[in-house]
Amino acid sequence: MDVRLSRRNMLVAGGAAIVAPLVLSGDKKVEASVSPLSSSDRAIMGLSGTDARFPSAVQALFPGLPQDPVFQKIMPLALLVTHQSGPGVRALSIEYSITTPTGTSETPVYLYISPGSKSKGESVSTLGSARQEILQAGQSRLVTPFFNWTPAYYQRSSNPDWKSLIQGSEPGDFLVSELSTATEIKVSVDGVVFSDRKLLGPDKFKLGRRIRARRNAEHDEALGVYKLLQSGASDDTIRQTLQSHGSAPRSNQIRVGQRTYEQARRYHAQVLLRAFNDADRNTFTKALIRLKRQKKMVLTKLG
């Protein structure tokens, strides 16, 4: 789950939202919302944790969770995303906006399956980002700034280790720290990328650009290494090349898209190096072939 944090001095509403006031505690008012996104052949619904209907909807899918005292503390930051109809979803961006007496803080949370992070000790189960569906029609996913769960996952792990889940994680820690003085909370779906390469939503936080940059960077890095393999480069040369690419200095590019691409390419070189070390040369080459055949990512924005 990727995150990016920004702070603004005024509220900028993003995403279609139907808003109604709800009192959480004392005289603090927040905004309860349903954030629907739809076009002629697809629809996504987001139900915020501050909505009066949220506990019953979550109870039906995650039995017992709304009564959990720890979850109740972060419930205003939760969003139940339901894929009502259309092609499979491969990526989502969620907008968080919290207003306090000192201003408004905004941050996105991005959800898509990406190559495992070595720093987190995860296995490299895929070499490409947003190639697998995270939601199919009729399915729901519970999203928070700390974790995102499907009902099937919760059934297997219905006694969460809250200490490890909700501590030391940004932007979650920051958002929770703002709850005590919040006068307005808004959580909504900002962007959706579908399996047919169509993008739905305001996309204020540029999910489409992020996915394009990552996918294109993954393709280009794989193609470069594949050409080295085909030229007969030794294993040491492959490792040295990937180490060099993975530790390249940060870009001074002004264009955000180019910076995102270069960052993604550095990261993917690290992923490929790990995969190369974990697999034999033939298996690694086959994986690269699949990646290099991946077409450049072009998304169609739906109105």
Protein backbone atom coordinates (compact mmCIF):
# COMPACT_ATOMS: atom_id res chain seq x y z
CA MET A 1 0.00 0.00 0.00
CA ASP A 2 1.64 3.21 -1.16
CA VAL A 3 1.02 6.54 0.58
CA ARG A 4 1.73 10.20 -0.05
CA LEU A 5 1.09 12.98 2.47
CA SER A 6 0.41 16.64 1.79
CA ARG A 7 -1.01 19.49 3.83
CA ARG A 8 -3.17 22.34 2.57
CA ASN A 9 -4.71 25.31 4.32
CA MET A 10 -8.14 24.91 2.77
CA LEU A 11 -10.47 22.01 2.10
CA VAL A 12 -10.47 20.76 -1.47
CA ALA A 13 -13.29 18.26 -2.01
CA GLY A 14 -12.50 15.36 -4.33
CA GLY A 15 -14.70 12.56 -5.61
CA ALA A 16 -18.45 12.48 -5.90
CA ALA A 17 -19.90 12.46 -2.39
CA ILE A 18 -23.33 12.55 -0.78
CA VAL A 19 -22.77 14.24 2.56
CA ALA A 20 -24.71 14.26 5.84
CA PRO A 21 -23.59 15.37 9.32
CA LEU A 22 -22.94 12.80 12.04
CA VAL A 23 -21.98 13.33 15.68
CA LEU A 24 -19.21 10.95 16.80
CA SER A 25 -18.65 12.09 20.35
CA GLY A 26 -19.51 15.14 22.39
CA ASP A 27 -20.23 18.07 20.12
CA LYS A 28 -17.70 17.15 17.44
CA LYS A 29 -19.25 16.94 14.02
CA VAL A 30 -17.75 15.15 11.09
CA GLU A 31 -19.07 14.47 7.63
CA ALA A 32 -20.60 11.08 6.89
CA SER A 33 -20.47 10.19 3.22
CA VAL A 34 -21.15 7.72 0.49
CA SER A 35 -18.78 8.18 -2.45
CA PRO A 36 -20.19 6.60 -5.60
CA LEU A 37 -18.26 6.49 -8.86
CA SER A 38 -19.98 5.20 -11.96
CA SER A 39 -20.17 5.25 -15.74
CA SER A 40 -22.45 3.48 -18.18
CA ASP A 41 -21.02 0.00 -17.57
CA ARG A 42 -19.37 0.07 -14.13
CA ALA A 43 -19.93 1.31 -10.59
CA ILE A 44 -17.86 1.56 -7.39
CA MET A 45 -19.31 2.55 -4.01
CA GLY A 46 -17.42 3.81 -0.97
CA LEU A 47 -19.15 3.86 2.43
CA SER A 48 -17.30 5.93 5.03
CA GLY A 49 -16.77 4.84 8.62
CA THR A 50 -18.53 8.00 9.79
CA ASP A 51 -21.75 6.99 8.05
CA ALA A 52 -24.52 5.64 10.30
CA ARG A 53 -24.93 2.64 7.96
CA PHE A 54 -21.27 1.66 8.15
CA PRO A 55 -21.33 -0.58 11.29
CA SER A 56 -24.14 -2.80 10.00
CA ALA A 57 -22.57 -3.06 6.53
CA VAL A 58 -19.21 -4.05 8.04
CA GLN A 59 -20.82 -6.44 10.51
CA ALA A 60 -22.35 -8.38 7.61
CA LEU A 61 -18.94 -8.90 6.00
CA PHE A 62 -16.58 -8.75 9.01
CA PRO A 63 -18.55 -10.20 11.94
CA GLY A 64 -17.58 -8.73 15.30
CA LEU A 65 -15.24 -6.08 13.92
CA PRO A 66 -17.52 -3.04 14.53
CA GLN A 67 -17.67 -4.02 18.23
CA ASP A 68 -13.88 -4.21 18.58
CA PRO A 69 -12.81 -1.27 20.81
CA VAL A 70 -9.55 -0.73 18.91
CA PHE A 71 -11.24 -0.71 15.52
CA GLN A 72 -13.83 1.73 16.84
CA LYS A 73 -11.05 4.25 17.48
CA ILE A 74 -9.95 4.22 13.83
CA MET A 75 -13.40 3.65 12.35
CA PRO A 76 -13.77 7.31 11.22
CA LEU A 77 -10.79 6.65 8.90
CA ALA A 78 -12.26 3.47 7.39
CA LEU A 79 -13.93 3.07 4.01
CA LEU A 80 -15.87 0.05 2.78
CA VAL A 81 -15.30 -0.13 -0.98
CA THR A 82 -17.77 -2.25 -2.95
CA HIS A 83 -17.37 -3.13 -6.62
CA GLN A 84 -20.97 -3.13 -7.78
CA SER A 85 -20.52 -3.83 -11.50
CA GLY A 86 -18.02 -3.75 -14.34
CA PRO A 87 -14.57 -5.17 -15.14
CA GLY A 88 -12.15 -6.17 -12.40
CA VAL A 89 -10.36 -3.45 -10.43
CA ARG A 90 -6.57 -3.45 -10.47
CA ALA A 91 -5.83 -0.26 -8.54
CA LEU A 92 -7.56 2.16 -6.20
CA SER A 93 -6.72 5.50 -4.64
CA ILE A 94 -8.48 6.69 -1.49
CA GLU A 95 -8.60 10.34 -0.44
CA TYR A 96 -8.35 11.32 3.21
CA SER A 97 -9.18 14.87 4.24
CA ILE A 98 -9.28 16.01 7.86
CA THR A 99 -10.05 19.55 8.94
CA THR A 100 -8.98 20.84 12.38
CA PRO A 101 -8.81 24.38 13.80
CA THR A 102 -5.28 24.67 12.36
CA GLY A 103 -6.19 23.74 8.78
CA THR A 104 -6.94 20.85 6.48
CA SER A 105 -4.69 17.85 5.87
CA GLU A 106 -5.06 15.72 2.77
CA THR A 107 -3.40 12.46 1.84
CA PRO A 108 -4.02 9.62 -0.60
CA VAL A 109 -3.62 5.91 -0.01
CA TYR A 110 -2.92 3.79 -3.09
CA LEU A 111 -3.91 0.14 -3.34
CA TYR A 112 -2.60 -2.29 -5.94
CA ILE A 113 -0.56 -5.47 -5.98
CA SER A 114 3.10 -4.73 -6.60
CA PRO A 115 6.38 -6.66 -6.41
CA GLY A 116 7.32 -7.64 -2.85
CA SER A 117 9.43 -5.20 -0.88
CA LYS A 118 12.78 -6.59 0.18
CA SER A 119 12.89 -4.25 3.15
CA LYS A 120 9.71 -5.86 4.49
CA GLY A 121 10.95 -9.37 3.81
CA GLU A 122 8.13 -10.13 1.40
CA SER A 123 8.54 -12.69 -1.34
CA VAL A 124 8.57 -11.54 -4.95
CA SER A 125 5.28 -13.11 -6.05
CA THR A 126 4.86 -10.81 -9.05
CA LEU A 127 7.27 -8.76 -11.15
CA GLY A 128 4.69 -6.25 -12.34
CA SER A 129 2.46 -3.70 -10.64
CA ALA A 130 -1.34 -3.65 -11.00
CA ARG A 131 -1.37 -6.82 -13.10
CA GLN A 132 -3.72 -8.66 -10.76
CA GLU A 133 -7.25 -7.76 -9.73
CA ILE A 134 -7.89 -6.59 -6.19
CA LEU A 135 -11.69 -6.40 -6.56
CA GLN A 136 -14.16 -8.17 -8.81
CA ALA A 137 -17.82 -7.28 -9.31
CA GLY A 138 -19.81 -8.14 -6.21
CA GLN A 139 -16.79 -8.00 -3.88
CA SER A 140 -15.93 -5.55 -1.08
CA ARG A 141 -12.70 -4.46 0.58
CA LEU A 142 -12.30 -2.65 3.91
CA VAL A 143 -9.72 0.11 3.57
CA THR A 144 -7.96 2.06 6.33
CA PRO A 145 -4.67 4.01 6.30
CA PHE A 146 -3.15 1.07 8.23
CA PHE A 147 -4.46 -1.98 6.38
CA ASN A 148 -6.97 -3.18 3.79
CA TRP A 149 -8.87 -6.45 4.18
CA THR A 150 -11.19 -8.67 2.22
CA PRO A 151 -13.84 -10.64 4.11
CA ALA A 152 -11.98 -13.86 3.23
CA TYR A 153 -8.78 -12.55 4.83
CA TYR A 154 -10.65 -11.50 7.97
CA GLN A 155 -12.22 -14.94 8.32
CA ARG A 156 -8.72 -16.43 8.47
CA SER A 157 -7.42 -13.73 10.87
CA SER A 158 -10.39 -12.61 12.94
CA ASN A 159 -8.21 -11.77 15.98
CA PRO A 160 -6.00 -8.93 14.67
CA ASP A 161 -2.68 -8.08 16.26
CA TRP A 162 -3.62 -4.43 16.63
CA LYS A 163 -0.29 -3.39 18.11
CA SER A 164 1.59 -4.35 14.96
CA LEU A 165 -1.18 -3.17 12.63
CA ILE A 166 -1.83 0.38 13.77
CA GLN A 167 1.44 1.68 15.18
CA GLY A 168 4.40 3.22 13.41
CA SER A 169 2.64 3.52 10.07
CA GLU A 170 2.12 6.67 8.04
CA PRO A 171 -0.15 8.33 7.15
CA GLY A 172 -2.21 6.41 9.70
CA ASP A 173 -0.40 7.70 12.80
CA PHE A 174 -0.70 11.29 11.60
CA LEU A 175 -4.40 10.97 10.73
CA VAL A 176 -5.23 9.39 14.09
CA SER A 177 -3.41 12.23 15.86
CA GLU A 178 -5.73 14.69 14.10
CA LEU A 179 -8.97 12.91 15.07
CA SER A 180 -9.21 14.41 18.58
CA THR A 181 -9.60 17.95 17.20
CA ALA A 182 -11.20 17.14 13.85
CA THR A 183 -14.17 19.26 12.81
CA GLU A 184 -14.61 17.52 9.47
CA ILE A 185 -13.52 14.13 8.13
CA LYS A 186 -13.86 12.99 4.54
CA VAL A 187 -12.84 9.61 3.16
CA SER A 188 -13.73 8.77 -0.44
CA VAL A 189 -12.68 6.88 -3.53
CA ASP A 190 -10.55 9.17 -5.70
CA GLY A 191 -9.54 6.93 -8.61
CA VAL A 192 -10.09 3.42 -9.95
CA VAL A 193 -8.08 1.59 -12.62
CA PHE A 194 -9.91 -1.33 -14.23
CA SER A 195 -8.55 -4.39 -16.02
CA ASP A 196 -9.62 -2.95 -19.39
CA ARG A 197 -7.24 -0.01 -18.79
CA LYS A 198 -9.93 2.53 -18.07
CA LEU A 199 -9.72 5.08 -15.26
CA LEU A 200 -12.75 6.26 -13.30
CA GLY A 201 -12.94 9.06 -10.76
CA PRO A 202 -11.60 12.58 -10.19
CA ASP A 203 -8.06 11.15 -9.83
CA LYS A 204 -6.93 14.24 -7.94
CA PHE A 205 -3.97 12.31 -6.57
CA LYS A 206 -2.89 10.98 -10.00
CA LEU A 207 -3.35 7.24 -9.55
CA GLY A 208 -3.37 6.86 -13.33
CA ARG A 209 -0.03 8.64 -13.71
CA ARG A 210 1.47 6.56 -10.89
CA ILE A 211 0.37 3.25 -12.42
CA ARG A 212 1.56 4.27 -15.89
CA ALA A 213 4.96 5.29 -14.54
CA ARG A 214 5.43 2.09 -12.57
CA ARG A 215 4.29 -0.22 -15.36
CA ASN A 216 6.43 1.53 -17.98
CA ALA A 217 9.46 1.58 -15.68
CA GLU A 218 9.06 -2.14 -15.00
CA HIS A 219 8.83 -2.85 -18.72
CA ASP A 220 11.90 -0.77 -19.59
CA GLU A 221 14.10 -2.20 -16.83
CA ALA A 222 13.11 -5.75 -17.76
CA LEU A 223 13.82 -5.10 -21.45
CA GLY A 224 17.29 -3.75 -20.67
CA VAL A 225 18.22 -6.76 -18.54
CA TYR A 226 16.75 -9.16 -21.11
CA LYS A 227 18.99 -7.70 -23.81
CA LEU A 228 21.99 -8.23 -21.53
CA LEU A 229 21.02 -11.86 -21.01
CA GLN A 230 20.59 -12.40 -24.74
CA SER A 231 24.03 -10.93 -25.38
CA GLY A 232 25.58 -13.57 -23.12
CA ALA A 233 26.37 -11.32 -20.16
CA SER A 234 27.66 -13.17 -17.11
CA ASP A 235 25.70 -13.50 -13.88
CA ASP A 236 28.10 -11.04 -12.23
CA THR A 237 27.46 -8.49 -14.97
CA ILE A 238 23.70 -8.85 -14.52
CA ARG A 239 24.02 -8.37 -10.77
CA GLN A 240 26.33 -5.39 -11.11
CA THR A 241 24.01 -3.74 -13.63
CA LEU A 242 20.95 -4.19 -11.44
CA GLN A 243 22.84 -3.01 -8.35
CA SER A 244 23.94 0.09 -10.25
CA HIS A 245 20.42 0.84 -11.50
CA GLY A 246 18.91 0.18 -8.08
CA SER A 247 21.27 2.61 -6.33
CA ALA A 248 21.17 5.37 -8.96
CA PRO A 249 21.03 8.90 -7.47
CA ARG A 250 17.67 10.57 -7.08
CA SER A 251 16.47 12.55 -10.04
CA ASN A 252 16.45 16.35 -10.21
CA GLN A 253 13.64 16.24 -12.73
CA ILE A 254 11.03 18.94 -12.22
CA ARG A 255 8.34 16.91 -13.97
CA VAL A 256 6.54 14.74 -11.41
CA GLY A 257 5.80 12.03 -13.97
CA GLN A 258 9.47 11.62 -14.87
CA ARG A 259 10.52 11.57 -11.21
CA THR A 260 7.94 8.88 -10.50
CA TYR A 261 9.18 6.85 -13.46
CA GLU A 262 12.82 7.05 -12.38
CA GLN A 263 11.98 6.18 -8.78
CA ALA A 264 9.93 3.18 -9.96
CA ARG A 265 12.75 2.03 -12.22
CA ARG A 266 15.27 2.16 -9.36
CA TYR A 267 12.92 0.16 -7.20
CA HIS A 268 12.27 -2.39 -9.91
CA ALA A 269 15.98 -2.94 -10.45
CA GLN A 270 16.15 -3.94 -6.78
CA VAL A 271 13.19 -6.29 -7.23
CA LEU A 272 14.76 -7.89 -10.32
CA LEU A 273 18.07 -8.33 -8.52
CA ARG A 274 16.34 -10.21 -5.73
CA ALA A 275 14.41 -12.32 -8.24
CA PHE A 276 17.63 -13.07 -10.16
CA ASN A 277 19.34 -14.22 -6.99
CA ASP A 278 16.37 -16.39 -6.00
CA ALA A 279 15.82 -18.15 -9.37
CA ASP A 280 17.90 -19.94 -11.97
CA ARG A 281 18.84 -18.03 -15.11
CA ASN A 282 16.28 -19.79 -17.33
CA THR A 283 13.34 -19.12 -14.99
CA PHE A 284 14.39 -15.50 -14.59
CA THR A 285 14.64 -15.06 -18.37
CA LYS A 286 11.09 -16.39 -18.85
CA ALA A 287 9.82 -13.90 -16.28
CA LEU A 288 11.56 -11.06 -18.11
CA ILE A 289 10.01 -12.14 -21.41
CA ARG A 290 6.55 -11.80 -19.86
CA LEU A 291 7.42 -8.34 -18.57
CA LYS A 292 8.94 -7.06 -21.80
CA ARG A 293 5.84 -8.18 -23.70
CA GLN A 294 3.78 -5.99 -21.44
CA LYS A 295 2.52 -3.12 -23.55
CA LYS A 296 3.20 0.46 -22.57
CA MET A 297 0.47 1.52 -20.17
CA VAL A 298 -2.16 3.76 -21.72
CA LEU A 299 -5.29 4.56 -19.72
CA THR A 300 -8.59 5.93 -21.00
CA LYS A 301 -10.22 8.44 -18.62
CA LEU A 302 -13.95 7.92 -18.27
CA GLY A 303 -16.13 10.99 -17.95
